[in-house]
Amino acid sequence: MISLPLWASALITLVVKGVTQWLANLRAEQALRDLGAATQATASRAEAERQETAARAAGEAAAAAPEDPADPFLRKD
């Protein structure tokens, strides 16, 4: 059996803990990025749906409104 000095064992333990913590931080950062992207996608989708609903309502209101004879774009001069 190989026996390491106490300082070598402590150094190896410290390096292993550091690498383990670094990898855990990388995984946590990726999870936060994924969560942020999902949150942004949901908010963007909701805003797009709101704008689409407003545009449809405006289009339907414009189609249902009577034509204004004073409108310069409708005059046939």
PDB file of N, CA and C in Angstrom:
ATOM      1  N   MET A   1       0.838  -1.161   0.000  1.00  0.00           N
ATOM      2  CA  MET A   1       0.000   0.000   0.000  1.00  0.00           C
ATOM      3  C   MET A   1       0.892   1.236   0.000  1.00  0.00           C
ATOM      4  N   ILE A   2       0.464   2.237  -0.827  1.00  0.00           N
ATOM      5  CA  ILE A   2       1.244   3.455  -0.935  1.00  0.00           C
ATOM      6  C   ILE A   2       0.804   4.412   0.163  1.00  0.00           C
ATOM      7  N   SER A   3       1.773   4.970   0.828  1.00  0.00           N
ATOM      8  CA  SER A   3       1.471   5.923   1.891  1.00  0.00           C
ATOM      9  C   SER A   3       1.981   7.291   1.473  1.00  0.00           C
ATOM     10  N   LEU A   4       1.099   8.294   1.493  1.00  0.00           N
ATOM     11  CA  LEU A   4       1.465   9.654   1.141  1.00  0.00           C
ATOM     12  C   LEU A   4       1.713  10.456   2.408  1.00  0.00           C
ATOM     13  N   PRO A   5       2.585  11.408   2.304  1.00  0.00           N
ATOM     14  CA  PRO A   5       2.749  12.294   3.456  1.00  0.00           C
ATOM     15  C   PRO A   5       1.456  13.076   3.689  1.00  0.00           C
ATOM     16  N   LEU A   6       1.280  13.563   4.889  1.00  0.00           N
ATOM     17  CA  LEU A   6       0.075  14.279   5.257  1.00  0.00           C
ATOM     18  C   LEU A   6      -0.139  15.501   4.372  1.00  0.00           C
ATOM     19  N   TRP A   7       0.916  16.231   4.074  1.00  0.00           N
ATOM     20  CA  TRP A   7       0.772  17.441   3.260  1.00  0.00           C
ATOM     21  C   TRP A   7       0.331  17.108   1.844  1.00  0.00           C
ATOM     22  N   ALA A   8       0.795  15.995   1.287  1.00  0.00           N
ATOM     23  CA  ALA A   8       0.401  15.599  -0.063  1.00  0.00           C
ATOM     24  C   ALA A   8      -1.066  15.180  -0.093  1.00  0.00           C
ATOM     25  N   SER A   9      -1.479  14.467   0.916  1.00  0.00           N
ATOM     26  CA  SER A   9      -2.878  14.050   1.002  1.00  0.00           C
ATOM     27  C   SER A   9      -3.787  15.274   1.147  1.00  0.00           C
ATOM     28  N   ALA A  10      -3.381  16.222   1.968  1.00  0.00           N
ATOM     29  CA  ALA A  10      -4.173  17.440   2.148  1.00  0.00           C
ATOM     30  C   ALA A  10      -4.224  18.242   0.848  1.00  0.00           C
ATOM     31  N   LEU A  11      -3.123  18.302   0.133  1.00  0.00           N
ATOM     32  CA  LEU A  11      -3.078  19.030  -1.132  1.00  0.00           C
ATOM     33  C   LEU A  11      -3.984  18.386  -2.171  1.00  0.00           C
ATOM     34  N   ILE A  12      -3.948  17.085  -2.274  1.00  0.00           N
ATOM     35  CA  ILE A  12      -4.807  16.367  -3.220  1.00  0.00           C
ATOM     36  C   ILE A  12      -6.277  16.583  -2.857  1.00  0.00           C
ATOM     37  N   THR A  13      -6.603  16.510  -1.574  1.00  0.00           N
ATOM     38  CA  THR A  13      -7.978  16.741  -1.127  1.00  0.00           C
ATOM     39  C   THR A  13      -8.429  18.154  -1.482  1.00  0.00           C
ATOM     40  N   LEU A  14      -7.560  19.130  -1.270  1.00  0.00           N
ATOM     41  CA  LEU A  14      -7.891  20.512  -1.578  1.00  0.00           C
ATOM     42  C   LEU A  14      -8.119  20.706  -3.077  1.00  0.00           C
ATOM     43  N   VAL A  15      -7.287  20.109  -3.909  1.00  0.00           N
ATOM     44  CA  VAL A  15      -7.444  20.224  -5.361  1.00  0.00           C
ATOM     45  C   VAL A  15      -8.739  19.561  -5.813  1.00  0.00           C
ATOM     46  N   VAL A  16      -9.035  18.390  -5.286  1.00  0.00           N
ATOM     47  CA  VAL A  16     -10.257  17.682  -5.666  1.00  0.00           C
ATOM     48  C   VAL A  16     -11.493  18.481  -5.252  1.00  0.00           C
ATOM     49  N   LYS A  17     -11.482  19.057  -4.050  1.00  0.00           N
ATOM     50  CA  LYS A  17     -12.613  19.870  -3.611  1.00  0.00           C
ATOM     51  C   LYS A  17     -12.763  21.112  -4.484  1.00  0.00           C
ATOM     52  N   GLY A  18     -11.648  21.721  -4.855  1.00  0.00           N
ATOM     53  CA  GLY A  18     -11.705  22.905  -5.712  1.00  0.00           C
ATOM     54  C   GLY A  18     -12.287  22.598  -7.080  1.00  0.00           C
ATOM     55  N   VAL A  19     -11.852  21.502  -7.677  1.00  0.00           N
ATOM     56  CA  VAL A  19     -12.358  21.112  -8.992  1.00  0.00           C
ATOM     57  C   VAL A  19     -13.837  20.748  -8.897  1.00  0.00           C
ATOM     58  N   THR A  20     -14.222  20.040  -7.845  1.00  0.00           N
ATOM     59  CA  THR A  20     -15.622  19.673  -7.654  1.00  0.00           C
ATOM     60  C   THR A  20     -16.496  20.917  -7.517  1.00  0.00           C
ATOM     61  N   GLN A  21     -16.041  21.896  -6.742  1.00  0.00           N
ATOM     62  CA  GLN A  21     -16.791  23.132  -6.572  1.00  0.00           C
ATOM     63  C   GLN A  21     -16.879  23.904  -7.888  1.00  0.00           C
ATOM     64  N   TRP A  22     -15.801  23.944  -8.629  1.00  0.00           N
ATOM     65  CA  TRP A  22     -15.778  24.649  -9.918  1.00  0.00           C
ATOM     66  C   TRP A  22     -16.781  24.029 -10.886  1.00  0.00           C
ATOM     67  N   LEU A  23     -16.814  22.693 -10.940  1.00  0.00           N
ATOM     68  CA  LEU A  23     -17.763  22.010 -11.815  1.00  0.00           C
ATOM     69  C   LEU A  23     -19.208  22.249 -11.361  1.00  0.00           C
ATOM     70  N   ALA A  24     -19.443  22.260 -10.060  1.00  0.00           N
ATOM     71  CA  ALA A  24     -20.792  22.531  -9.553  1.00  0.00           C
ATOM     72  C   ALA A  24     -21.216  23.956  -9.924  1.00  0.00           C
ATOM     73  N   ASN A  25     -20.289  24.903  -9.850  1.00  0.00           N
ATOM     74  CA  ASN A  25     -20.607  26.284 -10.238  1.00  0.00           C
ATOM     75  C   ASN A  25     -20.933  26.377 -11.721  1.00  0.00           C
ATOM     76  N   LEU A  26     -20.194  25.650 -12.553  1.00  0.00           N
ATOM     77  CA  LEU A  26     -20.486  25.654 -13.991  1.00  0.00           C
ATOM     78  C   LEU A  26     -21.889  25.111 -14.265  1.00  0.00           C
ATOM     79  N   ARG A  27     -22.246  24.030 -13.587  1.00  0.00           N
ATOM     80  CA  ARG A  27     -23.590  23.458 -13.774  1.00  0.00           C
ATOM     81  C   ARG A  27     -24.665  24.425 -13.294  1.00  0.00           C
ATOM     82  N   ALA A  28     -24.432  25.094 -12.170  1.00  0.00           N
ATOM     83  CA  ALA A  28     -25.412  26.051 -11.648  1.00  0.00           C
ATOM     84  C   ALA A  28     -25.567  27.246 -12.586  1.00  0.00           C
ATOM     85  N   GLU A  29     -24.456  27.739 -13.129  1.00  0.00           N
ATOM     86  CA  GLU A  29     -24.523  28.861 -14.076  1.00  0.00           C
ATOM     87  C   GLU A  29     -25.294  28.475 -15.330  1.00  0.00           C
ATOM     88  N   GLN A  30     -25.076  27.269 -15.822  1.00  0.00           N
ATOM     89  CA  GLN A  30     -25.804  26.810 -17.010  1.00  0.00           C
ATOM     90  C   GLN A  30     -27.294  26.691 -16.711  1.00  0.00           C
ATOM     91  N   ALA A  31     -27.632  26.191 -15.539  1.00  0.00           N
ATOM     92  CA  ALA A  31     -29.041  26.078 -15.160  1.00  0.00           C
ATOM     93  C   ALA A  31     -29.689  27.456 -15.079  1.00  0.00           C
ATOM     94  N   LEU A  32     -28.967  28.437 -14.538  1.00  0.00           N
ATOM     95  CA  LEU A  32     -29.509  29.797 -14.468  1.00  0.00           C
ATOM     96  C   LEU A  32     -29.669  30.405 -15.859  1.00  0.00           C
ATOM     97  N   ARG A  33     -28.720  30.139 -16.756  1.00  0.00           N
ATOM     98  CA  ARG A  33     -28.857  30.633 -18.129  1.00  0.00           C
ATOM     99  C   ARG A  33     -30.068  30.005 -18.804  1.00  0.00           C
ATOM    100  N   ASP A  34     -30.259  28.715 -18.612  1.00  0.00           N
ATOM    101  CA  ASP A  34     -31.416  28.036 -19.196  1.00  0.00           C
ATOM    102  C   ASP A  34     -32.719  28.596 -18.641  1.00  0.00           C
ATOM    103  N   LEU A  35     -32.750  28.837 -17.340  1.00  0.00           N
ATOM    104  CA  LEU A  35     -33.945  29.400 -16.719  1.00  0.00           C
ATOM    105  C   LEU A  35     -34.212  30.805 -17.254  1.00  0.00           C
ATOM    106  N   GLY A  36     -33.174  31.604 -17.383  1.00  0.00           N
ATOM    107  CA  GLY A  36     -33.339  32.956 -17.922  1.00  0.00           C
ATOM    108  C   GLY A  36     -33.840  32.933 -19.353  1.00  0.00           C
ATOM    109  N   ALA A  37     -33.315  32.023 -20.151  1.00  0.00           N
ATOM    110  CA  ALA A  37     -33.751  31.916 -21.548  1.00  0.00           C
ATOM    111  C   ALA A  37     -35.212  31.476 -21.622  1.00  0.00           C
ATOM    112  N   ALA A  38     -35.590  30.539 -20.785  1.00  0.00           N
ATOM    113  CA  ALA A  38     -36.987  30.085 -20.785  1.00  0.00           C
ATOM    114  C   ALA A  38     -37.918  31.197 -20.328  1.00  0.00           C
ATOM    115  N   THR A  39     -37.496  31.953 -19.325  1.00  0.00           N
ATOM    116  CA  THR A  39     -38.309  33.065 -18.834  1.00  0.00           C
ATOM    117  C   THR A  39     -38.462  34.129 -19.916  1.00  0.00           C
ATOM    118  N   GLN A  40     -37.369  34.447 -20.602  1.00  0.00           N
ATOM    119  CA  GLN A  40     -37.413  35.449 -21.670  1.00  0.00           C
ATOM    120  C   GLN A  40     -38.296  34.973 -22.822  1.00  0.00           C
ATOM    121  N   ALA A  41     -38.204  33.701 -23.161  1.00  0.00           N
ATOM    122  CA  ALA A  41     -39.028  33.161 -24.245  1.00  0.00           C
ATOM    123  C   ALA A  41     -40.512  33.250 -23.885  1.00  0.00           C
ATOM    124  N   THR A  42     -40.845  32.940 -22.651  1.00  0.00           N
ATOM    125  CA  THR A  42     -42.239  33.015 -22.215  1.00  0.00           C
ATOM    126  C   THR A  42     -42.744  34.450 -22.254  1.00  0.00           C
ATOM    127  N   ALA A  43     -41.932  35.381 -21.771  1.00  0.00           N
ATOM    128  CA  ALA A  43     -42.331  36.790 -21.777  1.00  0.00           C
ATOM    129  C   ALA A  43     -42.465  37.308 -23.205  1.00  0.00           C
ATOM    130  N   SER A  44     -41.553  36.924 -24.080  1.00  0.00           N
ATOM    131  CA  SER A  44     -41.619  37.362 -25.476  1.00  0.00           C
ATOM    132  C   SER A  44     -42.850  36.800 -26.172  1.00  0.00           C
ATOM    133  N   ARG A  45     -43.148  35.543 -25.899  1.00  0.00           N
ATOM    134  CA  ARG A  45     -44.327  34.916 -26.501  1.00  0.00           C
ATOM    135  C   ARG A  45     -45.605  35.610 -26.028  1.00  0.00           C
ATOM    136  N   ALA A  46     -45.676  35.924 -24.742  1.00  0.00           N
ATOM    137  CA  ALA A  46     -46.859  36.607 -24.207  1.00  0.00           C
ATOM    138  C   ALA A  46     -47.008  37.998 -24.827  1.00  0.00           C
ATOM    139  N   GLU A  47     -45.902  38.718 -24.989  1.00  0.00           N
ATOM    140  CA  GLU A  47     -45.955  40.048 -25.604  1.00  0.00           C
ATOM    141  C   GLU A  47     -46.378  39.953 -27.070  1.00  0.00           C
ATOM    142  N   ALA A  48     -45.862  38.962 -27.785  1.00  0.00           N
ATOM    143  CA  ALA A  48     -46.245  38.782 -29.189  1.00  0.00           C
ATOM    144  C   ALA A  48     -47.731  38.458 -29.317  1.00  0.00           C
ATOM    145  N   GLU A  49     -48.232  37.622 -28.436  1.00  0.00           N
ATOM    146  CA  GLU A  49     -49.659  37.290 -28.469  1.00  0.00           C
ATOM    147  C   GLU A  49     -50.508  38.514 -28.144  1.00  0.00           C
ATOM    148  N   ARG A  50     -50.060  39.346 -27.196  1.00  0.00           N
ATOM    149  CA  ARG A  50     -50.788  40.568 -26.858  1.00  0.00           C
ATOM    150  C   ARG A  50     -50.817  41.519 -28.052  1.00  0.00           C
ATOM    151  N   GLN A  51     -49.689  41.673 -28.721  1.00  0.00           N
ATOM    152  CA  GLN A  51     -49.636  42.551 -29.887  1.00  0.00           C
ATOM    153  C   GLN A  51     -50.494  42.016 -31.027  1.00  0.00           C
ATOM    154  N   GLU A  52     -50.477  40.701 -31.207  1.00  0.00           N
ATOM    155  CA  GLU A  52     -51.287  40.101 -32.257  1.00  0.00           C
ATOM    156  C   GLU A  52     -52.775  40.313 -31.983  1.00  0.00           C
ATOM    157  N   THR A  53     -53.181  40.156 -30.733  1.00  0.00           N
ATOM    158  CA  THR A  53     -54.580  40.379 -30.362  1.00  0.00           C
ATOM    159  C   THR A  53     -54.977  41.823 -30.606  1.00  0.00           C
ATOM    160  N   ALA A  54     -54.104  42.764 -30.239  1.00  0.00           N
ATOM    161  CA  ALA A  54     -54.393  44.182 -30.456  1.00  0.00           C
ATOM    162  C   ALA A  54     -54.481  44.495 -31.947  1.00  0.00           C
ATOM    163  N   ALA A  55     -53.603  43.908 -32.745  1.00  0.00           N
ATOM    164  CA  ALA A  55     -53.617  44.144 -34.189  1.00  0.00           C
ATOM    165  C   ALA A  55     -54.874  43.565 -34.826  1.00  0.00           C
ATOM    166  N   ARG A  56     -55.277  42.380 -34.387  1.00  0.00           N
ATOM    167  CA  ARG A  56     -56.518  41.791 -34.919  1.00  0.00           C
ATOM    168  C   ARG A  56     -57.725  42.662 -34.578  1.00  0.00           C
ATOM    169  N   ALA A  57     -57.780  43.130 -33.326  1.00  0.00           N
ATOM    170  CA  ALA A  57     -58.896  43.974 -32.912  1.00  0.00           C
ATOM    171  C   ALA A  57     -58.914  45.268 -33.719  1.00  0.00           C
ATOM    172  N   ALA A  58     -57.749  45.856 -33.966  1.00  0.00           N
ATOM    173  CA  ALA A  58     -57.694  47.082 -34.755  1.00  0.00           C
ATOM    174  C   ALA A  58     -58.113  46.816 -36.196  1.00  0.00           C
ATOM    175  N   GLY A  59     -57.684  45.697 -36.738  1.00  0.00           N
ATOM    176  CA  GLY A  59     -58.078  45.337 -38.102  1.00  0.00           C
ATOM    177  C   GLY A  59     -59.567  45.097 -38.229  1.00  0.00           C
ATOM    178  N   GLU A  60     -60.139  44.394 -37.259  1.00  0.00           N
ATOM    179  CA  GLU A  60     -61.585  44.143 -37.279  1.00  0.00           C
ATOM    180  C   GLU A  60     -62.370  45.438 -37.107  1.00  0.00           C
ATOM    181  N   ALA A  61     -61.883  46.326 -36.248  1.00  0.00           N
ATOM    182  CA  ALA A  61     -62.568  47.607 -36.061  1.00  0.00           C
ATOM    183  C   ALA A  61     -62.489  48.451 -37.324  1.00  0.00           C
ATOM    184  N   ALA A  62     -61.354  48.420 -38.001  1.00  0.00           N
ATOM    185  CA  ALA A  62     -61.207  49.182 -39.237  1.00  0.00           C
ATOM    186  C   ALA A  62     -62.093  48.608 -40.337  1.00  0.00           C
ATOM    187  N   ALA A  63     -62.199  47.300 -40.399  1.00  0.00           N
ATOM    188  CA  ALA A  63     -63.032  46.674 -41.420  1.00  0.00           C
ATOM    189  C   ALA A  63     -64.521  46.922 -41.157  1.00  0.00           C
ATOM    190  N   ALA A  64     -64.909  47.020 -39.906  1.00  0.00           N
ATOM    191  CA  ALA A  64     -66.310  47.201 -39.559  1.00  0.00           C
ATOM    192  C   ALA A  64     -66.741  48.668 -39.615  1.00  0.00           C
ATOM    193  N   ALA A  65     -65.791  49.582 -39.576  1.00  0.00           N
ATOM    194  CA  ALA A  65     -66.132  51.015 -39.564  1.00  0.00           C
ATOM    195  C   ALA A  65     -66.576  51.460 -40.952  1.00  0.00           C
ATOM    196  N   PRO A  66     -67.543  52.370 -40.992  1.00  0.00           N
ATOM    197  CA  PRO A  66     -67.965  52.887 -42.303  1.00  0.00           C
ATOM    198  C   PRO A  66     -66.864  53.758 -42.898  1.00  0.00           C
ATOM    199  N   GLU A  67     -66.831  53.813 -44.212  1.00  0.00           N
ATOM    200  CA  GLU A  67     -65.809  54.622 -44.876  1.00  0.00           C
ATOM    201  C   GLU A  67     -66.137  56.096 -44.713  1.00  0.00           C
ATOM    202  N   ASP A  68     -65.127  56.881 -44.465  1.00  0.00           N
ATOM    203  CA  ASP A  68     -65.268  58.324 -44.280  1.00  0.00           C
ATOM    204  C   ASP A  68     -65.104  58.998 -45.643  1.00  0.00           C
ATOM    205  N   PRO A  69     -66.135  59.676 -46.144  1.00  0.00           N
ATOM    206  CA  PRO A  69     -66.019  60.312 -47.461  1.00  0.00           C
ATOM    207  C   PRO A  69     -65.000  61.451 -47.465  1.00  0.00           C
ATOM    208  N   ALA A  70     -64.633  61.977 -46.317  1.00  0.00           N
ATOM    209  CA  ALA A  70     -63.664  63.069 -46.257  1.00  0.00           C
ATOM    210  C   ALA A  70     -62.225  62.557 -46.207  1.00  0.00           C
ATOM    211  N   ASP A  71     -62.062  61.269 -46.168  1.00  0.00           N
ATOM    212  CA  ASP A  71     -60.717  60.699 -46.096  1.00  0.00           C
ATOM    213  C   ASP A  71     -59.987  60.967 -47.410  1.00  0.00           C
ATOM    214  N   PRO A  72     -58.833  61.635 -47.376  1.00  0.00           N
ATOM    215  CA  PRO A  72     -58.140  61.981 -48.613  1.00  0.00           C
ATOM    216  C   PRO A  72     -57.644  60.751 -49.393  1.00  0.00           C
ATOM    217  N   PHE A  73     -57.463  59.633 -48.716  1.00  0.00           N
ATOM    218  CA  PHE A  73     -57.001  58.438 -49.412  1.00  0.00           C
ATOM    219  C   PHE A  73     -58.118  57.740 -50.175  1.00  0.00           C
ATOM    220  N   LEU A  74     -59.360  58.073 -49.846  1.00  0.00           N
ATOM    221  CA  LEU A  74     -60.482  57.453 -50.530  1.00  0.00           C
ATOM    222  C   LEU A  74     -61.043  58.326 -51.654  1.00  0.00           C
ATOM    223  N   ARG A  75     -60.647  59.581 -51.715  1.00  0.00           N
ATOM    224  CA  ARG A  75     -61.151  60.485 -52.758  1.00  0.00           C
ATOM    225  C   ARG A  75     -60.652  60.058 -54.111  1.00  0.00           C
ATOM    226  N   LYS A  76     -61.516  60.203 -55.099  1.00  0.00           N
ATOM    227  CA  LYS A  76     -61.146  59.866 -56.471  1.00  0.00           C
ATOM    228  C   LYS A  76     -61.258  61.151 -57.307  1.00  0.00           C
ATOM    229  N   ASP A  77     -60.300  62.034 -57.111  1.00  0.00           N
ATOM    230  CA  ASP A  77     -60.322  63.313 -57.824  1.00  0.00           C
ATOM    231  C   ASP A  77     -59.603  63.217 -59.154  1.00  0.00           C
TER     232      ASP A  77
END
